[in-house]
N, C-alpha and C. Protein backbone atom coordinates (compact mmCIF):
# COMPACT_ATOMS: atom_id res chain seq x y z
N UNK A 1 13.93 -3.20 -3.47
CA UNK A 1 13.90 -3.54 -2.04
C UNK A 1 12.66 -4.36 -1.74
N UNK A 2 12.83 -5.42 -1.01
CA UNK A 2 11.70 -6.26 -0.61
C UNK A 2 11.12 -5.74 0.70
N UNK A 3 9.78 -5.61 0.74
CA UNK A 3 9.12 -5.08 1.91
C UNK A 3 8.55 -6.22 2.73
N UNK A 4 8.74 -6.12 4.03
CA UNK A 4 8.30 -7.16 4.95
C UNK A 4 7.29 -6.58 5.91
N UNK A 5 6.08 -7.14 5.94
CA UNK A 5 5.05 -6.69 6.86
C UNK A 5 4.97 -7.65 8.04
N UNK A 6 5.12 -7.10 9.25
CA UNK A 6 4.90 -7.91 10.45
C UNK A 6 3.46 -7.67 10.89
N UNK A 7 2.53 -8.45 10.31
CA UNK A 7 1.12 -8.27 10.59
C UNK A 7 0.48 -9.60 10.92
N UNK A 8 -0.77 -9.51 11.35
CA UNK A 8 -1.53 -10.71 11.61
C UNK A 8 -2.47 -11.05 10.46
N UNK A 9 -2.37 -10.31 9.34
CA UNK A 9 -3.25 -10.54 8.22
C UNK A 9 -2.85 -11.78 7.44
N UNK A 10 -3.83 -12.53 6.99
CA UNK A 10 -3.54 -13.74 6.24
C UNK A 10 -2.96 -13.43 4.87
N UNK A 11 -3.39 -12.31 4.24
CA UNK A 11 -2.92 -11.98 2.90
C UNK A 11 -1.65 -11.13 2.92
N UNK A 12 -1.11 -10.86 4.11
CA UNK A 12 0.12 -10.11 4.21
C UNK A 12 -0.04 -8.62 4.07
N UNK A 13 -1.27 -8.14 3.80
CA UNK A 13 -1.51 -6.71 3.67
C UNK A 13 -1.97 -6.14 5.01
N UNK A 14 -1.60 -4.89 5.28
CA UNK A 14 -1.96 -4.33 6.59
C UNK A 14 -3.45 -4.07 6.73
N UNK A 15 -3.93 -4.19 7.95
CA UNK A 15 -5.29 -3.78 8.30
C UNK A 15 -5.21 -2.45 9.02
N UNK A 16 -6.31 -1.67 8.96
CA UNK A 16 -6.30 -0.31 9.49
C UNK A 16 -7.47 -0.07 10.42
N UNK A 17 -7.25 0.81 11.41
CA UNK A 17 -8.31 1.24 12.32
C UNK A 17 -8.21 2.75 12.51
N UNK A 18 -9.24 3.51 12.12
CA UNK A 18 -9.24 4.95 12.40
C UNK A 18 -9.34 5.20 13.90
N UNK A 19 -8.50 6.08 14.41
CA UNK A 19 -8.50 6.44 15.84
C UNK A 19 -9.07 7.84 16.03
N UNK A 20 -8.62 8.78 15.23
CA UNK A 20 -9.11 10.15 15.28
C UNK A 20 -9.54 10.58 13.89
N UNK A 21 -10.62 11.34 13.81
CA UNK A 21 -11.08 11.88 12.54
C UNK A 21 -11.83 10.85 11.70
N UNK A 22 -12.36 11.33 10.57
CA UNK A 22 -13.12 10.47 9.66
C UNK A 22 -12.25 10.07 8.48
N UNK A 23 -12.27 8.76 8.16
CA UNK A 23 -11.43 8.20 7.12
C UNK A 23 -12.27 7.33 6.19
N UNK A 24 -11.81 7.22 4.95
CA UNK A 24 -12.27 6.20 4.02
C UNK A 24 -11.09 5.29 3.75
N UNK A 25 -11.21 4.01 4.09
CA UNK A 25 -10.09 3.09 4.01
C UNK A 25 -10.45 1.91 3.12
N UNK A 26 -9.59 1.62 2.14
CA UNK A 26 -9.75 0.46 1.28
C UNK A 26 -8.52 -0.43 1.46
N UNK A 27 -8.46 -1.49 0.69
CA UNK A 27 -7.33 -2.41 0.80
C UNK A 27 -6.03 -1.77 0.32
N UNK A 28 -6.13 -0.75 -0.55
CA UNK A 28 -4.93 -0.17 -1.14
C UNK A 28 -4.71 1.31 -0.81
N UNK A 29 -5.68 1.97 -0.17
CA UNK A 29 -5.52 3.40 0.10
C UNK A 29 -6.23 3.80 1.38
N UNK A 30 -5.81 4.93 1.93
CA UNK A 30 -6.38 5.49 3.15
C UNK A 30 -6.58 6.99 2.90
N UNK A 31 -7.77 7.48 3.15
CA UNK A 31 -8.05 8.90 2.89
C UNK A 31 -8.65 9.55 4.13
N UNK A 32 -7.98 10.61 4.61
CA UNK A 32 -8.52 11.43 5.70
C UNK A 32 -9.46 12.45 5.07
N UNK A 33 -10.68 12.56 5.61
CA UNK A 33 -11.72 13.37 4.99
C UNK A 33 -11.75 14.80 5.48
N UNK A 34 -10.83 15.19 6.36
CA UNK A 34 -10.81 16.57 6.83
C UNK A 34 -11.88 16.88 7.85
N UNK A 35 -12.34 15.86 8.57
CA UNK A 35 -13.38 16.04 9.58
C UNK A 35 -13.03 15.26 10.82
N UNK A 36 -13.37 15.81 11.98
CA UNK A 36 -13.13 15.10 13.23
C UNK A 36 -12.69 16.02 14.34
N UNK A 37 -11.94 15.46 15.28
CA UNK A 37 -11.43 16.21 16.43
C UNK A 37 -10.66 17.43 15.95
N UNK A 38 -10.90 18.59 16.57
CA UNK A 38 -10.24 19.82 16.13
C UNK A 38 -9.09 20.19 17.05
N UNK A 39 -8.10 20.81 16.46
CA UNK A 39 -6.96 21.36 17.19
C UNK A 39 -6.73 22.78 16.68
N UNK A 40 -5.89 23.53 17.37
CA UNK A 40 -5.64 24.92 16.99
C UNK A 40 -4.15 25.18 16.92
N UNK A 41 -3.74 25.95 15.91
CA UNK A 41 -2.35 26.39 15.76
C UNK A 41 -2.33 27.59 14.83
N UNK A 42 -1.50 28.57 15.18
CA UNK A 42 -1.37 29.75 14.33
C UNK A 42 -2.66 30.51 14.16
N UNK A 43 -3.54 30.45 15.15
CA UNK A 43 -4.80 31.18 15.06
C UNK A 43 -5.86 30.48 14.23
N UNK A 44 -5.59 29.26 13.76
CA UNK A 44 -6.56 28.51 12.96
C UNK A 44 -6.99 27.25 13.69
N UNK A 45 -8.23 26.85 13.42
CA UNK A 45 -8.75 25.61 13.96
C UNK A 45 -8.89 24.61 12.82
N UNK A 46 -8.45 23.38 13.03
CA UNK A 46 -8.48 22.38 11.97
C UNK A 46 -8.65 20.99 12.57
N UNK A 47 -9.06 20.05 11.73
CA UNK A 47 -9.29 18.69 12.17
C UNK A 47 -7.99 17.89 12.17
N UNK A 48 -7.95 16.88 13.03
CA UNK A 48 -6.79 15.99 13.13
C UNK A 48 -7.25 14.56 12.89
N UNK A 49 -6.48 13.83 12.08
CA UNK A 49 -6.80 12.44 11.80
C UNK A 49 -5.66 11.52 12.18
N UNK A 50 -5.99 10.36 12.73
CA UNK A 50 -5.00 9.36 13.08
C UNK A 50 -5.58 7.98 12.76
N UNK A 51 -4.85 7.20 11.96
CA UNK A 51 -5.25 5.82 11.66
C UNK A 51 -4.04 4.93 11.91
N UNK A 52 -4.26 3.81 12.60
CA UNK A 52 -3.14 2.92 12.92
C UNK A 52 -3.34 1.57 12.24
N UNK A 53 -2.23 0.92 11.96
CA UNK A 53 -2.26 -0.37 11.28
C UNK A 53 -1.87 -1.49 12.24
N UNK A 54 -1.97 -2.72 11.76
CA UNK A 54 -1.50 -3.85 12.54
C UNK A 54 -0.05 -4.19 12.21
N UNK A 55 0.64 -3.29 11.51
CA UNK A 55 2.05 -3.45 11.20
C UNK A 55 2.88 -2.99 12.40
N UNK A 56 3.87 -3.76 12.78
CA UNK A 56 4.75 -3.38 13.87
C UNK A 56 6.18 -3.24 13.37
N UNK A 57 6.88 -2.25 13.92
CA UNK A 57 8.26 -2.01 13.52
C UNK A 57 8.95 -1.19 14.60
N UNK A 58 10.17 -1.58 14.94
CA UNK A 58 11.00 -0.78 15.84
C UNK A 58 12.22 -0.23 15.12
N UNK A 59 12.76 -1.02 14.20
CA UNK A 59 13.88 -0.58 13.38
C UNK A 59 13.58 -0.94 11.94
N UNK A 60 13.75 0.03 11.03
CA UNK A 60 13.49 -0.27 9.63
C UNK A 60 13.01 0.95 8.88
N UNK A 61 12.23 0.70 7.83
CA UNK A 61 11.78 1.75 6.93
C UNK A 61 10.27 1.68 6.74
N UNK A 62 9.64 2.85 6.72
CA UNK A 62 8.22 2.96 6.39
C UNK A 62 8.07 4.01 5.29
N UNK A 63 7.24 3.70 4.29
CA UNK A 63 7.11 4.57 3.13
C UNK A 63 5.65 4.63 2.70
N UNK A 64 5.20 5.82 2.25
CA UNK A 64 3.83 5.98 1.78
C UNK A 64 3.77 7.15 0.79
N UNK A 65 2.85 7.07 -0.15
CA UNK A 65 2.59 8.19 -1.05
C UNK A 65 1.50 9.06 -0.44
N UNK A 66 1.72 10.37 -0.47
CA UNK A 66 0.78 11.33 0.11
C UNK A 66 0.35 12.32 -0.96
N UNK A 67 -0.96 12.60 -1.03
CA UNK A 67 -1.50 13.56 -1.99
C UNK A 67 -2.44 14.51 -1.26
N UNK A 68 -2.22 15.80 -1.43
CA UNK A 68 -3.08 16.83 -0.83
C UNK A 68 -4.07 17.32 -1.87
N UNK A 69 -5.32 17.50 -1.47
CA UNK A 69 -6.37 17.90 -2.41
C UNK A 69 -6.49 19.41 -2.56
N UNK A 70 -5.96 20.17 -1.61
CA UNK A 70 -6.09 21.62 -1.64
C UNK A 70 -4.72 22.29 -1.70
N UNK A 71 -4.69 23.50 -2.23
CA UNK A 71 -3.44 24.25 -2.32
C UNK A 71 -2.99 24.70 -0.94
N UNK A 72 -1.69 24.83 -0.78
CA UNK A 72 -1.14 25.33 0.48
C UNK A 72 -1.15 26.85 0.51
N UNK A 73 -1.21 27.37 1.73
CA UNK A 73 -1.14 28.82 1.88
C UNK A 73 -2.23 29.37 2.77
N UNK A 74 -3.49 29.06 2.44
CA UNK A 74 -4.60 29.63 3.19
C UNK A 74 -5.08 28.74 4.33
N UNK A 75 -4.75 27.46 4.27
CA UNK A 75 -5.28 26.52 5.26
C UNK A 75 -4.16 25.65 5.82
N UNK A 76 -4.32 25.26 7.09
CA UNK A 76 -3.42 24.30 7.69
C UNK A 76 -3.75 22.91 7.15
N UNK A 77 -2.75 22.19 6.68
CA UNK A 77 -2.95 20.80 6.26
C UNK A 77 -1.62 20.07 6.30
N UNK A 78 -1.68 18.79 6.63
CA UNK A 78 -0.47 18.00 6.76
C UNK A 78 -0.82 16.53 6.62
N UNK A 79 0.20 15.73 6.31
CA UNK A 79 0.03 14.28 6.25
C UNK A 79 1.36 13.61 6.50
N UNK A 80 1.33 12.48 7.21
CA UNK A 80 2.61 11.83 7.51
C UNK A 80 2.47 10.44 8.09
N UNK A 81 3.59 9.96 8.60
CA UNK A 81 3.74 8.60 9.13
C UNK A 81 3.92 8.65 10.64
N UNK A 82 3.27 7.73 11.34
CA UNK A 82 3.37 7.62 12.80
C UNK A 82 4.19 6.38 13.14
N UNK A 83 5.12 6.54 14.08
CA UNK A 83 5.92 5.43 14.59
C UNK A 83 5.79 5.36 16.10
N UNK A 84 5.88 4.14 16.65
CA UNK A 84 5.91 3.97 18.09
C UNK A 84 4.57 4.14 18.77
N UNK A 85 3.47 3.86 18.05
CA UNK A 85 2.13 4.05 18.62
C UNK A 85 1.76 2.90 19.56
N UNK A 86 1.10 3.23 20.66
CA UNK A 86 0.49 2.23 21.56
C UNK A 86 -0.97 2.56 21.82
N UNK A 87 -1.24 3.76 22.33
CA UNK A 87 -2.61 4.22 22.55
C UNK A 87 -2.66 5.70 22.18
N UNK A 88 -3.86 6.28 22.00
CA UNK A 88 -3.95 7.70 21.65
C UNK A 88 -3.38 8.64 22.72
N UNK A 89 -3.29 8.17 23.96
CA UNK A 89 -2.84 9.03 25.05
C UNK A 89 -1.36 8.88 25.36
N UNK A 90 -0.68 7.92 24.71
CA UNK A 90 0.73 7.68 25.03
C UNK A 90 1.64 8.21 23.93
N UNK A 91 2.89 8.38 24.28
CA UNK A 91 3.87 9.03 23.42
C UNK A 91 4.07 8.28 22.10
N UNK A 92 4.11 9.04 20.99
CA UNK A 92 4.50 8.49 19.69
C UNK A 92 5.17 9.58 18.86
N UNK A 93 5.84 9.16 17.79
CA UNK A 93 6.60 10.05 16.92
C UNK A 93 5.94 10.08 15.55
N UNK A 94 6.06 11.21 14.85
CA UNK A 94 5.53 11.28 13.49
C UNK A 94 6.41 12.19 12.62
N UNK A 95 6.48 11.84 11.34
CA UNK A 95 7.14 12.67 10.33
C UNK A 95 6.08 13.10 9.34
N UNK A 96 6.05 14.39 9.01
CA UNK A 96 4.96 14.92 8.20
C UNK A 96 5.43 15.84 7.09
N UNK A 97 4.57 15.98 6.10
CA UNK A 97 4.67 17.02 5.09
C UNK A 97 3.61 18.07 5.40
N UNK A 98 3.99 19.35 5.39
CA UNK A 98 3.03 20.43 5.55
C UNK A 98 2.77 20.89 6.97
N UNK A 99 3.33 20.24 7.97
CA UNK A 99 3.10 20.63 9.36
C UNK A 99 4.12 21.66 9.82
N UNK A 100 3.86 22.27 10.96
CA UNK A 100 4.77 23.23 11.60
C UNK A 100 5.14 24.37 10.64
N UNK A 101 4.21 24.70 9.74
CA UNK A 101 4.41 25.77 8.76
C UNK A 101 5.68 25.57 7.94
N UNK A 102 6.02 24.31 7.73
CA UNK A 102 7.22 23.94 6.96
C UNK A 102 6.86 22.82 6.01
N UNK A 103 7.75 22.59 5.04
CA UNK A 103 7.52 21.50 4.10
C UNK A 103 7.69 20.14 4.77
N UNK A 104 8.72 20.01 5.61
CA UNK A 104 9.03 18.73 6.25
C UNK A 104 9.23 18.94 7.74
N UNK A 105 8.76 18.00 8.53
CA UNK A 105 8.92 18.14 9.98
C UNK A 105 8.85 16.79 10.67
N UNK A 106 9.43 16.74 11.85
CA UNK A 106 9.32 15.60 12.76
C UNK A 106 8.72 16.12 14.05
N UNK A 107 7.74 15.41 14.59
CA UNK A 107 7.11 15.84 15.83
C UNK A 107 6.80 14.68 16.74
N UNK A 108 6.20 14.98 17.86
CA UNK A 108 5.83 13.95 18.83
C UNK A 108 4.52 14.30 19.49
N UNK A 109 3.82 13.26 19.94
CA UNK A 109 2.64 13.47 20.77
C UNK A 109 3.05 13.25 22.21
N UNK A 110 2.73 14.22 23.06
CA UNK A 110 3.07 14.16 24.48
C UNK A 110 1.79 14.13 25.29
N UNK A 111 1.64 13.14 26.14
CA UNK A 111 0.45 13.01 26.97
C UNK A 111 0.25 14.26 27.83
N UNK A 112 -0.97 14.78 27.81
CA UNK A 112 -1.30 15.96 28.59
C UNK A 112 -0.94 17.27 27.92
N UNK A 113 -0.23 17.20 26.81
CA UNK A 113 0.18 18.41 26.09
C UNK A 113 -0.38 18.44 24.68
N UNK A 114 -0.23 17.33 23.97
CA UNK A 114 -0.70 17.28 22.59
C UNK A 114 0.45 17.11 21.61
N UNK A 115 0.22 17.54 20.38
CA UNK A 115 1.21 17.38 19.31
C UNK A 115 2.15 18.58 19.29
N UNK A 116 3.43 18.32 19.13
CA UNK A 116 4.38 19.43 19.05
C UNK A 116 5.53 19.06 18.11
N UNK A 117 6.03 20.04 17.36
CA UNK A 117 7.14 19.78 16.44
C UNK A 117 8.47 19.65 17.18
N UNK A 118 9.34 18.82 16.67
CA UNK A 118 10.69 18.68 17.21
C UNK A 118 11.72 19.37 16.31
N UNK A 119 11.55 19.23 15.01
CA UNK A 119 12.48 19.84 14.06
C UNK A 119 11.74 19.99 12.73
N UNK A 120 12.06 21.04 11.98
CA UNK A 120 11.38 21.30 10.72
C UNK A 120 12.36 21.87 9.71
N UNK A 121 12.03 21.72 8.42
CA UNK A 121 12.89 22.23 7.36
C UNK A 121 12.05 22.44 6.10
N UNK A 122 12.51 23.32 5.23
CA UNK A 122 11.87 23.52 3.93
C UNK A 122 10.72 24.50 3.99
N UNK A 123 10.52 25.21 2.90
CA UNK A 123 9.44 26.19 2.82
C UNK A 123 8.13 25.52 2.41
N UNK A 124 7.07 25.84 3.15
CA UNK A 124 5.76 25.26 2.90
C UNK A 124 5.28 25.55 1.48
N UNK A 125 5.64 26.71 0.95
CA UNK A 125 5.17 27.13 -0.38
C UNK A 125 5.65 26.23 -1.50
N UNK A 126 6.64 25.39 -1.24
CA UNK A 126 7.15 24.50 -2.27
C UNK A 126 6.30 23.24 -2.45
N UNK A 127 5.41 22.96 -1.51
CA UNK A 127 4.51 21.82 -1.65
C UNK A 127 3.35 22.17 -2.57
N UNK A 128 2.90 21.18 -3.33
CA UNK A 128 1.83 21.39 -4.30
C UNK A 128 0.68 20.42 -4.07
N UNK A 129 -0.51 20.86 -4.41
CA UNK A 129 -1.69 20.01 -4.34
C UNK A 129 -1.75 19.11 -5.57
N UNK A 130 -2.51 18.01 -5.44
CA UNK A 130 -2.74 17.06 -6.53
C UNK A 130 -1.44 16.53 -7.12
N UNK A 131 -0.51 16.24 -6.24
CA UNK A 131 0.77 15.65 -6.63
C UNK A 131 1.14 14.60 -5.60
N UNK A 132 1.64 13.46 -6.03
CA UNK A 132 2.05 12.41 -5.11
C UNK A 132 3.45 12.67 -4.59
N UNK A 133 3.58 12.69 -3.25
CA UNK A 133 4.88 12.82 -2.60
C UNK A 133 5.19 11.49 -1.90
N UNK A 134 6.37 10.95 -2.16
CA UNK A 134 6.78 9.71 -1.49
C UNK A 134 7.52 10.09 -0.21
N UNK A 135 6.87 9.88 0.93
CA UNK A 135 7.48 10.15 2.23
C UNK A 135 8.03 8.85 2.79
N UNK A 136 9.30 8.86 3.16
CA UNK A 136 9.96 7.68 3.71
C UNK A 136 10.63 8.03 5.02
N UNK A 137 10.45 7.18 6.01
CA UNK A 137 11.07 7.37 7.32
C UNK A 137 11.89 6.14 7.65
N UNK A 138 13.15 6.35 7.98
CA UNK A 138 14.03 5.26 8.41
C UNK A 138 14.39 5.48 9.87
N UNK A 139 14.28 4.43 10.68
CA UNK A 139 14.65 4.55 12.08
C UNK A 139 15.55 3.38 12.47
N UNK A 140 16.66 3.71 13.12
CA UNK A 140 17.60 2.73 13.66
C UNK A 140 17.96 3.17 15.07
N UNK A 141 17.44 2.46 16.06
CA UNK A 141 17.62 2.92 17.44
C UNK A 141 16.86 4.21 17.65
N UNK A 142 17.60 5.28 17.95
CA UNK A 142 16.98 6.59 18.15
C UNK A 142 17.29 7.56 17.01
N UNK A 143 17.93 7.06 15.96
CA UNK A 143 18.26 7.91 14.82
C UNK A 143 17.16 7.82 13.77
N UNK A 144 16.61 8.99 13.42
CA UNK A 144 15.50 9.07 12.48
C UNK A 144 15.95 9.84 11.24
N UNK A 145 15.69 9.25 10.07
CA UNK A 145 16.01 9.91 8.79
C UNK A 145 14.74 10.00 7.96
N UNK A 146 14.53 11.18 7.35
CA UNK A 146 13.33 11.43 6.55
C UNK A 146 13.75 11.72 5.11
N UNK A 147 13.11 11.01 4.18
CA UNK A 147 13.35 11.23 2.76
C UNK A 147 12.04 11.58 2.07
N UNK A 148 12.11 12.47 1.09
CA UNK A 148 10.95 12.82 0.28
C UNK A 148 11.33 12.63 -1.18
N UNK A 149 10.56 11.80 -1.87
CA UNK A 149 10.87 11.45 -3.26
C UNK A 149 12.31 10.95 -3.39
N UNK A 150 12.72 10.12 -2.42
CA UNK A 150 14.04 9.48 -2.38
C UNK A 150 15.19 10.45 -2.10
N UNK A 151 14.88 11.67 -1.70
CA UNK A 151 15.91 12.66 -1.37
C UNK A 151 15.95 12.85 0.15
N UNK A 152 17.09 12.63 0.81
CA UNK A 152 17.17 12.89 2.26
C UNK A 152 16.95 14.37 2.55
N UNK A 153 16.00 14.67 3.45
CA UNK A 153 15.69 16.06 3.78
C UNK A 153 15.91 16.39 5.25
N UNK A 154 15.89 15.38 6.13
CA UNK A 154 16.04 15.65 7.56
C UNK A 154 16.66 14.46 8.25
N UNK A 155 17.36 14.75 9.34
CA UNK A 155 17.89 13.71 10.22
C UNK A 155 17.75 14.22 11.65
N UNK A 156 17.26 13.36 12.53
CA UNK A 156 17.00 13.80 13.91
C UNK A 156 17.29 12.66 14.87
N UNK A 157 17.91 12.98 15.99
CA UNK A 157 18.18 12.00 17.05
C UNK A 157 17.12 12.14 18.13
N UNK A 158 16.31 11.11 18.29
CA UNK A 158 15.24 11.13 19.29
C UNK A 158 15.83 11.12 20.69
N UNK A 159 15.13 11.74 21.63
CA UNK A 159 15.62 11.82 23.00
C UNK A 159 15.46 10.51 23.75
N UNK A 160 14.63 9.60 23.21
CA UNK A 160 14.41 8.30 23.85
C UNK A 160 13.94 7.30 22.80
N UNK A 161 14.10 6.01 23.07
CA UNK A 161 13.64 5.01 22.12
C UNK A 161 12.12 5.04 21.97
N UNK A 162 11.62 4.48 20.87
CA UNK A 162 10.18 4.36 20.69
C UNK A 162 9.58 3.52 21.80
N UNK A 163 8.44 3.96 22.32
CA UNK A 163 7.79 3.22 23.39
C UNK A 163 6.88 2.11 22.86
N UNK A 164 6.27 2.36 21.71
CA UNK A 164 5.40 1.36 21.09
C UNK A 164 5.99 0.84 19.80
N UNK A 165 5.25 -0.03 19.13
CA UNK A 165 5.76 -0.64 17.90
C UNK A 165 4.83 -0.46 16.71
N UNK A 166 3.58 -0.04 16.92
CA UNK A 166 2.65 0.08 15.81
C UNK A 166 3.01 1.25 14.90
N UNK A 167 2.71 1.07 13.61
CA UNK A 167 2.93 2.09 12.60
C UNK A 167 1.58 2.59 12.12
N UNK A 168 1.47 3.89 11.84
CA UNK A 168 0.20 4.45 11.40
C UNK A 168 0.37 5.67 10.53
N UNK A 169 -0.74 6.38 10.30
CA UNK A 169 -0.78 7.59 9.48
C UNK A 169 -1.41 8.72 10.28
N UNK A 170 -0.93 9.93 10.03
CA UNK A 170 -1.47 11.11 10.70
C UNK A 170 -1.78 12.16 9.64
N UNK A 171 -2.83 12.93 9.87
CA UNK A 171 -3.22 13.98 8.93
C UNK A 171 -3.84 15.12 9.69
N UNK A 172 -3.83 16.30 9.08
CA UNK A 172 -4.43 17.47 9.71
C UNK A 172 -4.99 18.38 8.63
N UNK A 173 -6.00 19.16 8.99
CA UNK A 173 -6.60 20.11 8.07
C UNK A 173 -8.06 19.82 7.83
N UNK A 174 -8.71 20.72 7.11
CA UNK A 174 -10.12 20.58 6.80
C UNK A 174 -10.35 20.17 5.35
N UNK A 175 -9.30 19.67 4.71
CA UNK A 175 -9.37 19.18 3.34
C UNK A 175 -8.94 17.71 3.32
N UNK A 176 -9.23 17.02 2.22
CA UNK A 176 -8.88 15.62 2.11
C UNK A 176 -7.37 15.44 1.93
N UNK A 177 -6.82 14.42 2.60
CA UNK A 177 -5.43 14.01 2.43
C UNK A 177 -5.44 12.52 2.13
N UNK A 178 -4.85 12.12 1.01
CA UNK A 178 -4.90 10.73 0.57
C UNK A 178 -3.54 10.06 0.73
N UNK A 179 -3.59 8.77 1.09
CA UNK A 179 -2.38 7.96 1.27
C UNK A 179 -2.52 6.69 0.42
N UNK A 180 -1.41 6.22 -0.13
CA UNK A 180 -1.42 4.99 -0.90
C UNK A 180 -0.03 4.37 -0.90
N UNK A 181 0.04 3.11 -1.37
CA UNK A 181 1.31 2.39 -1.50
C UNK A 181 2.09 2.34 -0.19
N UNK A 182 1.37 2.11 0.90
CA UNK A 182 2.00 1.99 2.22
C UNK A 182 2.87 0.74 2.25
N UNK A 183 4.11 0.88 2.71
CA UNK A 183 5.04 -0.26 2.74
C UNK A 183 5.98 -0.12 3.93
N UNK A 184 6.36 -1.26 4.49
CA UNK A 184 7.27 -1.30 5.63
C UNK A 184 8.33 -2.37 5.39
N UNK A 185 9.56 -2.03 5.67
CA UNK A 185 10.66 -3.00 5.66
C UNK A 185 11.25 -2.99 7.06
N UNK A 186 11.04 -4.08 7.80
CA UNK A 186 11.47 -4.15 9.20
C UNK A 186 12.82 -4.84 9.30
N UNK A 187 13.75 -4.21 10.02
CA UNK A 187 15.07 -4.78 10.22
C UNK A 187 15.16 -5.35 11.63
N UNK A 188 15.46 -6.62 11.73
CA UNK A 188 15.57 -7.24 13.04
C UNK A 188 16.88 -6.83 13.71
N UNK A 189 16.88 -6.64 15.01
CA UNK A 189 18.11 -6.28 15.73
C UNK A 189 19.19 -7.34 15.58
N UNK A 190 20.44 -6.91 15.59
CA UNK A 190 21.57 -7.83 15.51
C UNK A 190 22.35 -7.79 16.82
N UNK A 191 22.98 -8.93 17.13
CA UNK A 191 23.77 -9.00 18.35
C UNK A 191 25.05 -9.77 18.08
N UNK A 192 26.09 -9.40 18.78
CA UNK A 192 27.35 -10.12 18.69
C UNK A 192 27.48 -11.07 19.88
N UNK A 193 27.96 -12.27 19.61
CA UNK A 193 28.10 -13.28 20.67
C UNK A 193 29.58 -13.64 20.81
N UNK A 194 30.09 -13.48 22.01
CA UNK A 194 31.47 -13.88 22.31
C UNK A 194 31.42 -15.09 23.23
N UNK A 195 31.99 -16.22 22.77
CA UNK A 195 31.90 -17.46 23.54
C UNK A 195 32.98 -18.43 23.09
N UNK A 196 33.14 -19.48 23.84
CA UNK A 196 34.03 -20.56 23.46
C UNK A 196 33.37 -21.44 22.39
N UNK A 197 34.15 -21.93 21.46
CA UNK A 197 33.63 -22.87 20.47
C UNK A 197 33.84 -24.29 20.98
N UNK A 198 33.03 -24.67 21.94
CA UNK A 198 33.11 -25.99 22.55
C UNK A 198 31.79 -26.25 23.27
N UNK A 199 31.53 -27.51 23.57
CA UNK A 199 30.34 -27.85 24.34
C UNK A 199 30.56 -27.47 25.80
N UNK A 200 29.49 -27.05 26.51
CA UNK A 200 28.09 -27.04 26.08
C UNK A 200 27.69 -25.75 25.38
N UNK A 201 28.66 -24.85 25.10
CA UNK A 201 28.34 -23.55 24.53
C UNK A 201 27.77 -23.66 23.12
N UNK A 202 28.29 -24.59 22.30
CA UNK A 202 27.79 -24.74 20.94
C UNK A 202 26.30 -25.10 20.93
N UNK A 203 25.91 -26.02 21.79
CA UNK A 203 24.50 -26.41 21.87
C UNK A 203 23.64 -25.26 22.36
N UNK A 204 24.11 -24.54 23.34
CA UNK A 204 23.37 -23.38 23.85
C UNK A 204 23.18 -22.34 22.75
N UNK A 205 24.22 -22.11 21.95
CA UNK A 205 24.13 -21.13 20.86
C UNK A 205 23.08 -21.57 19.83
N UNK A 206 23.13 -22.84 19.41
CA UNK A 206 22.21 -23.33 18.39
C UNK A 206 20.76 -23.33 18.86
N UNK A 207 20.51 -23.76 20.08
CA UNK A 207 19.15 -23.98 20.54
C UNK A 207 18.51 -22.75 21.20
N UNK A 208 19.34 -21.84 21.69
CA UNK A 208 18.78 -20.68 22.41
C UNK A 208 19.03 -19.38 21.65
N UNK A 209 20.29 -19.06 21.39
CA UNK A 209 20.61 -17.77 20.80
C UNK A 209 20.22 -17.70 19.33
N UNK A 210 20.60 -18.71 18.55
CA UNK A 210 20.37 -18.67 17.12
C UNK A 210 18.88 -18.73 16.78
N UNK A 211 18.10 -19.40 17.59
CA UNK A 211 16.67 -19.50 17.33
C UNK A 211 15.90 -18.33 17.89
C-alpha cells in the first residue's frame, strides 16, 4: 500500500508538536516520557501525553507501531492514534491500546469533561511490554475500524463526523511509550455527477467539477 501524507513538509515526512506531556521526537520516532499533565482513573493518578502532526486526514487510514516499556497490571498506561484534532479544548477521537482497562478501545475528548471511552474490547493482560504492536485506524465518514497487527479487533459508528482534520498521538501513564513508523493513507471523497453530455455542461464539468 502506498502512503500519502498531506503535509506542508518539503521532504514529505510529518512534523510534530507536543501539546500535553513531555516527549522526545525525532524524524522517525516519537516517545512519550511518562511526565506531564496528570489525570485520574480507577483510583490512580497518571500523566497524559498528546502530540499532533501536520498531517491532515478526514477519510483514510492511519497506522503506527507502539511499544510499552513497562509491564501491564500495576500501572495505568496506554498509547494510540488521535483523529479529528483542532485544539486541545475541542472534540477529537482516539483509538488506543491499554486504555479503559482493556486491550483495545475507542474514546473521545469532550470539552469541559475530559477523556472518556466509547467502546472497548479485549483483556488488558494480553498486552506485553517491549513488543511492537501495529495499531491501524480506518475511518470512512463516521465508520471507524481498528486493527492490531493487521487483525480487525473493533468497529464503531461515531455519533458525528470528525470536527477537525489533524492526526496525532496520545499516551498515558508514568512510563515511557514509544511510537514509530507513523503512516497515513488519505482517501479523497468521491461524488457522482448526473448531467447532460452536451455544452455548456461538458465545459463546466471539465473546468469546475473535475478540477
